[in-house]
């Protein structure tokens, strides 16, 4: 799966295409659309068997930002599961 950048109203999410992984799955970085500052990550969390968001300690989140994060996690999960089904593994 090659996502590149996912753009939303308040955030955008980008994957580092180098070997940047957590629990054997890629890491996506969450950036503020206006400041372009990195404000969190989307990672795979093995105890819950799903992708989750972790946020920078000093970041502040509105419901709109959190909705964008939920959409991004949904998109990543859907494409990861599709890639696993199509290829026997995710990208």
PDB file of N, CA and C in Angstrom:
ATOM      1  N   UNK A   1       0.861  -1.176   0.000  1.00  0.00           N
ATOM      2  CA  UNK A   1       0.000   0.000   0.000  1.00  0.00           C
ATOM      3  C   UNK A   1       0.897   1.226   0.000  1.00  0.00           C
ATOM      4  N   UNK A   2       0.676   2.115  -0.891  1.00  0.00           N
ATOM      5  CA  UNK A   2       1.455   3.339  -0.957  1.00  0.00           C
ATOM      6  C   UNK A   2       0.505   4.519  -0.808  1.00  0.00           C
ATOM      7  N   UNK A   3       0.429   5.059   0.384  1.00  0.00           N
ATOM      8  CA  UNK A   3      -0.510   6.142   0.660  1.00  0.00           C
ATOM      9  C   UNK A   3       0.107   7.492   0.353  1.00  0.00           C
ATOM     10  N   UNK A   4       1.361   7.725   0.717  1.00  0.00           N
ATOM     11  CA  UNK A   4       1.964   9.037   0.561  1.00  0.00           C
ATOM     12  C   UNK A   4       1.462   9.978   1.641  1.00  0.00           C
ATOM     13  N   UNK A   5       0.591  10.922   1.259  1.00  0.00           N
ATOM     14  CA  UNK A   5       0.066  11.911   2.201  1.00  0.00           C
ATOM     15  C   UNK A   5      -1.453  11.887   2.163  1.00  0.00           C
ATOM     16  N   UNK A   6      -2.050  11.858   3.337  1.00  0.00           N
ATOM     17  CA  UNK A   6      -3.509  11.961   3.469  1.00  0.00           C
ATOM     18  C   UNK A   6      -3.811  13.362   3.991  1.00  0.00           C
ATOM     19  N   UNK A   7      -4.633  14.118   3.272  1.00  0.00           N
ATOM     20  CA  UNK A   7      -4.924  15.505   3.660  1.00  0.00           C
ATOM     21  C   UNK A   7      -6.370  15.631   4.161  1.00  0.00           C
ATOM     22  N   UNK A   8      -6.505  16.327   5.269  1.00  0.00           N
ATOM     23  CA  UNK A   8      -7.807  16.592   5.865  1.00  0.00           C
ATOM     24  C   UNK A   8      -7.891  18.081   6.179  1.00  0.00           C
ATOM     25  N   UNK A   9      -8.976  18.492   6.793  1.00  0.00           N
ATOM     26  CA  UNK A   9      -9.188  19.929   7.037  1.00  0.00           C
ATOM     27  C   UNK A   9      -8.151  20.520   7.991  1.00  0.00           C
ATOM     28  N   UNK A  10      -7.917  19.854   9.118  1.00  0.00           N
ATOM     29  CA  UNK A  10      -7.044  20.404  10.152  1.00  0.00           C
ATOM     30  C   UNK A  10      -5.670  19.745  10.225  1.00  0.00           C
ATOM     31  N   UNK A  11      -5.553  18.559   9.679  1.00  0.00           N
ATOM     32  CA  UNK A  11      -4.290  17.814   9.761  1.00  0.00           C
ATOM     33  C   UNK A  11      -3.968  17.187   8.416  1.00  0.00           C
ATOM     34  N   UNK A  12      -2.728  16.782   8.279  1.00  0.00           N
ATOM     35  CA  UNK A  12      -2.377  15.853   7.218  1.00  0.00           C
ATOM     36  C   UNK A  12      -1.480  14.792   7.827  1.00  0.00           C
ATOM     37  N   UNK A  13      -1.492  13.623   7.217  1.00  0.00           N
ATOM     38  CA  UNK A  13      -0.773  12.468   7.731  1.00  0.00           C
ATOM     39  C   UNK A  13       0.179  12.000   6.645  1.00  0.00           C
ATOM     40  N   UNK A  14       1.434  11.781   7.016  1.00  0.00           N
ATOM     41  CA  UNK A  14       2.436  11.341   6.051  1.00  0.00           C
ATOM     42  C   UNK A  14       3.233  10.172   6.624  1.00  0.00           C
ATOM     43  N   UNK A  15       3.550   9.249   5.739  1.00  0.00           N
ATOM     44  CA  UNK A  15       4.337   8.100   6.136  1.00  0.00           C
ATOM     45  C   UNK A  15       5.787   8.318   5.729  1.00  0.00           C
ATOM     46  N   UNK A  16       6.692   8.044   6.650  1.00  0.00           N
ATOM     47  CA  UNK A  16       8.109   8.061   6.330  1.00  0.00           C
ATOM     48  C   UNK A  16       8.393   6.783   5.559  1.00  0.00           C
ATOM     49  N   UNK A  17       8.791   6.900   4.303  1.00  0.00           N
ATOM     50  CA  UNK A  17       8.961   5.731   3.453  1.00  0.00           C
ATOM     51  C   UNK A  17      10.211   4.921   3.787  1.00  0.00           C
ATOM     52  N   UNK A  18      11.048   5.388   4.706  1.00  0.00           N
ATOM     53  CA  UNK A  18      12.201   4.612   5.132  1.00  0.00           C
ATOM     54  C   UNK A  18      11.735   3.570   6.143  1.00  0.00           C
ATOM     55  N   UNK A  19      12.654   2.817   6.674  1.00  0.00           N
ATOM     56  CA  UNK A  19      12.303   1.763   7.614  1.00  0.00           C
ATOM     57  C   UNK A  19      11.940   2.348   8.970  1.00  0.00           C
ATOM     58  N   UNK A  20      10.785   2.934   9.052  1.00  0.00           N
ATOM     59  CA  UNK A  20      10.283   3.542  10.273  1.00  0.00           C
ATOM     60  C   UNK A  20       9.039   2.766  10.664  1.00  0.00           C
ATOM     61  N   UNK A  21       9.213   1.798  11.571  1.00  0.00           N
ATOM     62  CA  UNK A  21       8.112   0.903  11.909  1.00  0.00           C
ATOM     63  C   UNK A  21       7.928   0.812  13.411  1.00  0.00           C
ATOM     64  N   UNK A  22       6.728   0.394  13.782  1.00  0.00           N
ATOM     65  CA  UNK A  22       6.376   0.101  15.162  1.00  0.00           C
ATOM     66  C   UNK A  22       5.574  -1.190  15.128  1.00  0.00           C
ATOM     67  N   UNK A  23       6.004  -2.181  15.870  1.00  0.00           N
ATOM     68  CA  UNK A  23       5.319  -3.483  15.915  1.00  0.00           C
ATOM     69  C   UNK A  23       5.178  -4.096  14.526  1.00  0.00           C
ATOM     70  N   UNK A  24       6.202  -3.905  13.677  1.00  0.00           N
ATOM     71  CA  UNK A  24       6.190  -4.487  12.343  1.00  0.00           C
ATOM     72  C   UNK A  24       5.275  -3.814  11.349  1.00  0.00           C
ATOM     73  N   UNK A  25       4.759  -2.659  11.704  1.00  0.00           N
ATOM     74  CA  UNK A  25       3.879  -1.929  10.802  1.00  0.00           C
ATOM     75  C   UNK A  25       4.401  -0.496  10.637  1.00  0.00           C
ATOM     76  N   UNK A  26       4.094   0.152   9.521  1.00  0.00           N
ATOM     77  CA  UNK A  26       4.611   1.510   9.300  1.00  0.00           C
ATOM     78  C   UNK A  26       4.026   2.532  10.269  1.00  0.00           C
ATOM     79  N   UNK A  27       4.758   3.614  10.440  1.00  0.00           N
ATOM     80  CA  UNK A  27       4.322   4.735  11.270  1.00  0.00           C
ATOM     81  C   UNK A  27       3.914   5.878  10.352  1.00  0.00           C
ATOM     82  N   UNK A  28       2.775   6.489  10.651  1.00  0.00           N
ATOM     83  CA  UNK A  28       2.341   7.692   9.949  1.00  0.00           C
ATOM     84  C   UNK A  28       2.438   8.851  10.932  1.00  0.00           C
ATOM     85  N   UNK A  29       2.939   9.987  10.460  1.00  0.00           N
ATOM     86  CA  UNK A  29       3.101  11.170  11.305  1.00  0.00           C
ATOM     87  C   UNK A  29       1.963  12.141  11.032  1.00  0.00           C
ATOM     88  N   UNK A  30       1.430  12.724  12.100  1.00  0.00           N
ATOM     89  CA  UNK A  30       0.320  13.671  12.023  1.00  0.00           C
ATOM     90  C   UNK A  30       0.905  15.080  12.102  1.00  0.00           C
ATOM     91  N   UNK A  31       0.525  15.928  11.139  1.00  0.00           N
ATOM     92  CA  UNK A  31       1.008  17.305  11.091  1.00  0.00           C
ATOM     93  C   UNK A  31      -0.171  18.274  11.127  1.00  0.00           C
ATOM     94  N   UNK A  32       0.037  19.417  11.767  1.00  0.00           N
ATOM     95  CA  UNK A  32      -0.932  20.507  11.744  1.00  0.00           C
ATOM     96  C   UNK A  32      -0.909  21.131  10.355  1.00  0.00           C
ATOM     97  N   UNK A  33      -2.068  21.304   9.733  1.00  0.00           N
ATOM     98  CA  UNK A  33      -2.143  21.849   8.381  1.00  0.00           C
ATOM     99  C   UNK A  33      -1.580  23.266   8.293  1.00  0.00           C
ATOM    100  N   UNK A  34      -1.861  24.099   9.300  1.00  0.00           N
ATOM    101  CA  UNK A  34      -1.402  25.499   9.244  1.00  0.00           C
ATOM    102  C   UNK A  34       0.084  25.639   9.583  1.00  0.00           C
ATOM    103  N   UNK A  35       0.499  25.078  10.709  1.00  0.00           N
ATOM    104  CA  UNK A  35       1.887  25.273  11.156  1.00  0.00           C
ATOM    105  C   UNK A  35       2.846  24.250  10.555  1.00  0.00           C
ATOM    106  N   UNK A  36       2.299  23.153  10.054  1.00  0.00           N
ATOM    107  CA  UNK A  36       3.092  22.038   9.514  1.00  0.00           C
ATOM    108  C   UNK A  36       3.964  21.383  10.574  1.00  0.00           C
ATOM    109  N   UNK A  37       3.622  21.610  11.825  1.00  0.00           N
ATOM    110  CA  UNK A  37       4.345  21.018  12.946  1.00  0.00           C
ATOM    111  C   UNK A  37       3.863  19.585  13.165  1.00  0.00           C
ATOM    112  N   UNK A  38       4.787  18.675  13.455  1.00  0.00           N
ATOM    113  CA  UNK A  38       4.422  17.297  13.797  1.00  0.00           C
ATOM    114  C   UNK A  38       3.760  17.305  15.171  1.00  0.00           C
ATOM    115  N   UNK A  39       2.544  16.763  15.247  1.00  0.00           N
ATOM    116  CA  UNK A  39       1.784  16.823  16.502  1.00  0.00           C
ATOM    117  C   UNK A  39       1.333  15.448  16.988  1.00  0.00           C
ATOM    118  N   UNK A  40       1.727  14.393  16.284  1.00  0.00           N
ATOM    119  CA  UNK A  40       1.368  13.054  16.733  1.00  0.00           C
ATOM    120  C   UNK A  40       1.785  11.997  15.729  1.00  0.00           C
ATOM    121  N   UNK A  41       1.407  10.748  16.042  1.00  0.00           N
ATOM    122  CA  UNK A  41       1.715   9.616  15.178  1.00  0.00           C
ATOM    123  C   UNK A  41       0.523   8.657  15.155  1.00  0.00           C
ATOM    124  N   UNK A  42       0.402   7.937  14.084  1.00  0.00           N
ATOM    125  CA  UNK A  42      -0.538   6.813  14.012  1.00  0.00           C
ATOM    126  C   UNK A  42       0.321   5.564  13.910  1.00  0.00           C
ATOM    127  N   UNK A  43       0.138   4.671  14.889  1.00  0.00           N
ATOM    128  CA  UNK A  43       0.931   3.447  14.975  1.00  0.00           C
ATOM    129  C   UNK A  43       0.004   2.251  15.168  1.00  0.00           C
ATOM    130  N   UNK A  44       0.546   1.060  14.938  1.00  0.00           N
ATOM    131  CA  UNK A  44      -0.194  -0.160  15.232  1.00  0.00           C
ATOM    132  C   UNK A  44       0.064  -0.513  16.691  1.00  0.00           C
ATOM    133  N   UNK A  45      -1.009  -0.799  17.428  1.00  0.00           N
ATOM    134  CA  UNK A  45      -0.921  -1.127  18.849  1.00  0.00           C
ATOM    135  C   UNK A  45      -1.306  -2.597  19.039  1.00  0.00           C
ATOM    136  N   UNK A  46      -0.305  -3.482  19.191  1.00  0.00           N
ATOM    137  CA  UNK A  46      -0.586  -4.920  19.234  1.00  0.00           C
ATOM    138  C   UNK A  46      -1.594  -5.375  20.293  1.00  0.00           C
ATOM    139  N   UNK A  47      -1.581  -4.841  21.530  1.00  0.00           N
ATOM    140  CA  UNK A  47      -2.571  -5.338  22.502  1.00  0.00           C
ATOM    141  C   UNK A  47      -4.024  -5.156  22.043  1.00  0.00           C
ATOM    142  N   UNK A  48      -4.286  -4.122  21.248  1.00  0.00           N
ATOM    143  CA  UNK A  48      -5.642  -3.871  20.755  1.00  0.00           C
ATOM    144  C   UNK A  48      -5.839  -4.366  19.330  1.00  0.00           C
ATOM    145  N   UNK A  49      -4.730  -4.798  18.683  1.00  0.00           N
ATOM    146  CA  UNK A  49      -4.766  -5.288  17.298  1.00  0.00           C
ATOM    147  C   UNK A  49      -5.376  -4.259  16.343  1.00  0.00           C
ATOM    148  N   UNK A  50      -4.965  -3.012  16.513  1.00  0.00           N
ATOM    149  CA  UNK A  50      -5.481  -1.954  15.637  1.00  0.00           C
ATOM    150  C   UNK A  50      -4.539  -0.761  15.629  1.00  0.00           C
ATOM    151  N   UNK A  51      -4.724   0.088  14.624  1.00  0.00           N
ATOM    152  CA  UNK A  51      -3.974   1.331  14.561  1.00  0.00           C
ATOM    153  C   UNK A  51      -4.583   2.325  15.548  1.00  0.00           C
ATOM    154  N   UNK A  52      -3.715   3.095  16.207  1.00  0.00           N
ATOM    155  CA  UNK A  52      -4.144   4.090  17.190  1.00  0.00           C
ATOM    156  C   UNK A  52      -3.329   5.370  16.979  1.00  0.00           C
ATOM    157  N   UNK A  53      -3.767   6.448  17.583  1.00  0.00           N
ATOM    158  CA  UNK A  53      -3.037   7.709  17.524  1.00  0.00           C
ATOM    159  C   UNK A  53      -2.374   7.982  18.861  1.00  0.00           C
ATOM    160  N   UNK A  54      -1.157   8.510  18.786  1.00  0.00           N
ATOM    161  CA  UNK A  54      -0.479   9.044  19.965  1.00  0.00           C
ATOM    162  C   UNK A  54      -0.215  10.511  19.660  1.00  0.00           C
ATOM    163  N   UNK A  55      -0.348  11.352  20.671  1.00  0.00           N
ATOM    164  CA  UNK A  55      -0.275  12.792  20.453  1.00  0.00           C
ATOM    165  C   UNK A  55       0.894  13.413  21.193  1.00  0.00           C
ATOM    166  N   UNK A  56       1.482  14.436  20.601  1.00  0.00           N
ATOM    167  CA  UNK A  56       2.546  15.187  21.263  1.00  0.00           C
ATOM    168  C   UNK A  56       2.006  15.784  22.555  1.00  0.00           C
ATOM    169  N   UNK A  57       2.845  15.825  23.557  1.00  0.00           N
ATOM    170  CA  UNK A  57       2.411  16.240  24.891  1.00  0.00           C
ATOM    171  C   UNK A  57       1.792  17.629  24.925  1.00  0.00           C
ATOM    172  N   UNK A  58       2.325  18.562  24.173  1.00  0.00           N
ATOM    173  CA  UNK A  58       1.845  19.938  24.250  1.00  0.00           C
ATOM    174  C   UNK A  58       0.833  20.291  23.172  1.00  0.00           C
ATOM    175  N   UNK A  59       0.378  19.303  22.407  1.00  0.00           N
ATOM    176  CA  UNK A  59      -0.601  19.602  21.356  1.00  0.00           C
ATOM    177  C   UNK A  59      -2.003  19.724  21.951  1.00  0.00           C
ATOM    178  N   UNK A  60      -2.848  20.489  21.263  1.00  0.00           N
ATOM    179  CA  UNK A  60      -4.224  20.722  21.691  1.00  0.00           C
ATOM    180  C   UNK A  60      -5.134  20.268  20.547  1.00  0.00           C
ATOM    181  N   UNK A  61      -6.220  19.557  20.876  1.00  0.00           N
ATOM    182  CA  UNK A  61      -7.050  18.906  19.860  1.00  0.00           C
ATOM    183  C   UNK A  61      -8.514  19.316  19.995  1.00  0.00           C
ATOM    184  N   UNK A  62      -9.092  19.772  18.900  1.00  0.00           N
ATOM    185  CA  UNK A  62     -10.525  20.068  18.853  1.00  0.00           C
ATOM    186  C   UNK A  62     -11.250  18.828  18.336  1.00  0.00           C
ATOM    187  N   UNK A  63     -12.582  18.873  18.390  1.00  0.00           N
ATOM    188  CA  UNK A  63     -13.343  17.732  17.858  1.00  0.00           C
ATOM    189  C   UNK A  63     -13.103  17.587  16.355  1.00  0.00           C
ATOM    190  N   UNK A  64     -12.928  18.696  15.644  1.00  0.00           N
ATOM    191  CA  UNK A  64     -12.647  18.631  14.212  1.00  0.00           C
ATOM    192  C   UNK A  64     -11.328  17.934  13.925  1.00  0.00           C
ATOM    193  N   UNK A  65     -10.300  18.251  14.707  1.00  0.00           N
ATOM    194  CA  UNK A  65      -8.998  17.594  14.540  1.00  0.00           C
ATOM    195  C   UNK A  65      -9.108  16.101  14.837  1.00  0.00           C
ATOM    196  N   UNK A  66      -9.818  15.778  15.903  1.00  0.00           N
ATOM    197  CA  UNK A  66      -9.976  14.366  16.271  1.00  0.00           C
ATOM    198  C   UNK A  66     -10.780  13.605  15.225  1.00  0.00           C
ATOM    199  N   UNK A  67     -11.774  14.265  14.633  1.00  0.00           N
ATOM    200  CA  UNK A  67     -12.516  13.636  13.524  1.00  0.00           C
ATOM    201  C   UNK A  67     -11.579  13.324  12.361  1.00  0.00           C
ATOM    202  N   UNK A  68     -10.693  14.264  12.045  1.00  0.00           N
ATOM    203  CA  UNK A  68      -9.721  14.042  10.974  1.00  0.00           C
ATOM    204  C   UNK A  68      -8.814  12.851  11.296  1.00  0.00           C
ATOM    205  N   UNK A  69      -8.366  12.753  12.546  1.00  0.00           N
ATOM    206  CA  UNK A  69      -7.519  11.629  12.954  1.00  0.00           C
ATOM    207  C   UNK A  69      -8.290  10.318  12.814  1.00  0.00           C
ATOM    208  N   UNK A  70      -9.545  10.306  13.228  1.00  0.00           N
ATOM    209  CA  UNK A  70     -10.364   9.095  13.104  1.00  0.00           C
ATOM    210  C   UNK A  70     -10.503   8.683  11.636  1.00  0.00           C
ATOM    211  N   UNK A  71     -10.696   9.655  10.756  1.00  0.00           N
ATOM    212  CA  UNK A  71     -10.786   9.357   9.317  1.00  0.00           C
ATOM    213  C   UNK A  71      -9.473   8.774   8.807  1.00  0.00           C
ATOM    214  N   UNK A  72      -8.362   9.348   9.232  1.00  0.00           N
ATOM    215  CA  UNK A  72      -7.052   8.863   8.796  1.00  0.00           C
ATOM    216  C   UNK A  72      -6.818   7.436   9.281  1.00  0.00           C
ATOM    217  N   UNK A  73      -7.133   7.152  10.544  1.00  0.00           N
ATOM    218  CA  UNK A  73      -6.975   5.796  11.072  1.00  0.00           C
ATOM    219  C   UNK A  73      -7.860   4.825  10.292  1.00  0.00           C
ATOM    220  N   UNK A  74      -9.085   5.232   9.999  1.00  0.00           N
ATOM    221  CA  UNK A  74      -9.989   4.390   9.221  1.00  0.00           C
ATOM    222  C   UNK A  74      -9.431   4.091   7.842  1.00  0.00           C
ATOM    223  N   UNK A  75      -8.888   5.108   7.188  1.00  0.00           N
ATOM    224  CA  UNK A  75      -8.313   4.936   5.846  1.00  0.00           C
ATOM    225  C   UNK A  75      -7.102   4.000   5.889  1.00  0.00           C
ATOM    226  N   UNK A  76      -6.210   4.230   6.850  1.00  0.00           N
ATOM    227  CA  UNK A  76      -5.013   3.394   6.982  1.00  0.00           C
ATOM    228  C   UNK A  76      -5.398   1.953   7.277  1.00  0.00           C
ATOM    229  N   UNK A  77      -6.330   1.753   8.199  1.00  0.00           N
ATOM    230  CA  UNK A  77      -6.765   0.401   8.555  1.00  0.00           C
ATOM    231  C   UNK A  77      -7.383  -0.313   7.365  1.00  0.00           C
ATOM    232  N   UNK A  78      -8.272   0.372   6.666  1.00  0.00           N
ATOM    233  CA  UNK A  78      -8.942  -0.224   5.502  1.00  0.00           C
ATOM    234  C   UNK A  78      -7.923  -0.654   4.451  1.00  0.00           C
ATOM    235  N   UNK A  79      -6.971   0.229   4.148  1.00  0.00           N
ATOM    236  CA  UNK A  79      -5.970  -0.088   3.136  1.00  0.00           C
ATOM    237  C   UNK A  79      -4.981  -1.144   3.606  1.00  0.00           C
ATOM    238  N   UNK A  80      -4.645  -1.144   4.892  1.00  0.00           N
ATOM    239  CA  UNK A  80      -3.753  -2.168   5.436  1.00  0.00           C
ATOM    240  C   UNK A  80      -4.432  -3.538   5.340  1.00  0.00           C
ATOM    241  N   UNK A  81      -5.690  -3.610   5.771  1.00  0.00           N
ATOM    242  CA  UNK A  81      -6.413  -4.883   5.721  1.00  0.00           C
ATOM    243  C   UNK A  81      -6.584  -5.368   4.289  1.00  0.00           C
ATOM    244  N   UNK A  82      -6.856  -4.448   3.354  1.00  0.00           N
ATOM    245  CA  UNK A  82      -6.996  -4.812   1.944  1.00  0.00           C
ATOM    246  C   UNK A  82      -5.678  -5.347   1.407  1.00  0.00           C
ATOM    247  N   UNK A  83      -4.569  -4.686   1.735  1.00  0.00           N
ATOM    248  CA  UNK A  83      -3.253  -5.124   1.276  1.00  0.00           C
ATOM    249  C   UNK A  83      -2.915  -6.506   1.824  1.00  0.00           C
ATOM    250  N   UNK A  84      -3.262  -6.750   3.091  1.00  0.00           N
ATOM    251  CA  UNK A  84      -3.006  -8.065   3.682  1.00  0.00           C
ATOM    252  C   UNK A  84      -3.822  -9.135   2.972  1.00  0.00           C
ATOM    253  N   UNK A  85      -5.082  -8.833   2.668  1.00  0.00           N
ATOM    254  CA  UNK A  85      -5.937  -9.801   1.985  1.00  0.00           C
ATOM    255  C   UNK A  85      -5.464 -10.052   0.553  1.00  0.00           C
ATOM    256  N   UNK A  86      -5.052  -8.992  -0.147  1.00  0.00           N
ATOM    257  CA  UNK A  86      -4.618  -9.123  -1.544  1.00  0.00           C
ATOM    258  C   UNK A  86      -3.260  -9.796  -1.664  1.00  0.00           C
ATOM    259  N   UNK A  87      -2.341  -9.485  -0.749  1.00  0.00           N
ATOM    260  CA  UNK A  87      -0.960  -9.946  -0.881  1.00  0.00           C
ATOM    261  C   UNK A  87      -0.519 -10.907   0.197  1.00  0.00           C
ATOM    262  N   UNK A  88      -1.377 -11.166   1.134  1.00  0.00           N
ATOM    263  CA  UNK A  88      -0.967 -11.994   2.248  1.00  0.00           C
ATOM    264  C   UNK A  88      -0.237 -11.213   3.324  1.00  0.00           C
ATOM    265  N   UNK A  89      -0.023  -9.924   3.086  1.00  0.00           N
ATOM    266  CA  UNK A  89       0.612  -9.054   4.085  1.00  0.00           C
ATOM    267  C   UNK A  89       0.310  -7.605   3.740  1.00  0.00           C
ATOM    268  N   UNK A  90       0.465  -6.713   4.729  1.00  0.00           N
ATOM    269  CA  UNK A  90       0.258  -5.286   4.501  1.00  0.00           C
ATOM    270  C   UNK A  90       1.545  -4.625   4.092  1.00  0.00           C
ATOM    271  N   UNK A  91       1.434  -3.343   3.686  1.00  0.00           N
ATOM    272  CA  UNK A  91       2.623  -2.575   3.314  1.00  0.00           C
ATOM    273  C   UNK A  91       2.879  -1.514   4.332  1.00  0.00           C
TER     274      UNK A  91
END
